[in-house]
Amino acid sequence: MNLTDVRALIATGGFFAAAAAILTWRFYGAIGGFSAAASVTLWVIAALCGYLGWRVRRAMKDDNIGQDRSQLNPVTAAQWLVIGKTSAWTGGIVGGAYLGVLIVLLFHLYLASAVDDLPGVIVSTLGGLAASAAGLYLERGCHIPPSSSAEGAV
């Protein structure tokens, strides 16, 4: 499995930011509003990925990966790698979308509803960025490059 390309992640977040900005600019009056409660999931994902990334890095540093009950199972580490990858992409997409909404709200601060929505959108944007960064941290911690002896094998 290849590592997530950070440039592709940023480009995807930028695309969703542009799409959300266009849609919000056009339909802001029809949107019910944004609350900070929507960001709770993103912050939970970020905290979980940060914790799992710390556990994997600690197990690798202590050479504590194996099949024993006291060790981190390699299959579990591979499953956590997938969680990290999906969290990075989810955070990039959702954080990018909220960034697009934030940009539009900054242009509409003369509206009382935009001022009310601003804190929730800021917290959600930061939650998306945190989830993406924590997912990358977890993914990078779980990824083991091929050994030098395996590179020459056909």
Foldseek 3Di string as FASTA:
>chain_A
DDADDVVVLLVLLQVLLVVLLVVCLVCVVVDPAFALVVLPVLQVLLVVLLVLLVVLLVLVVVVQEDDDPRGNDLVVLVVLLVSLVVQLNQLSNQLSSLNSVLVNLVVVVVDPRSVVRNVSSVSNNVSSVSSNVSSSSSNVSSDDDDDPVVVPPD
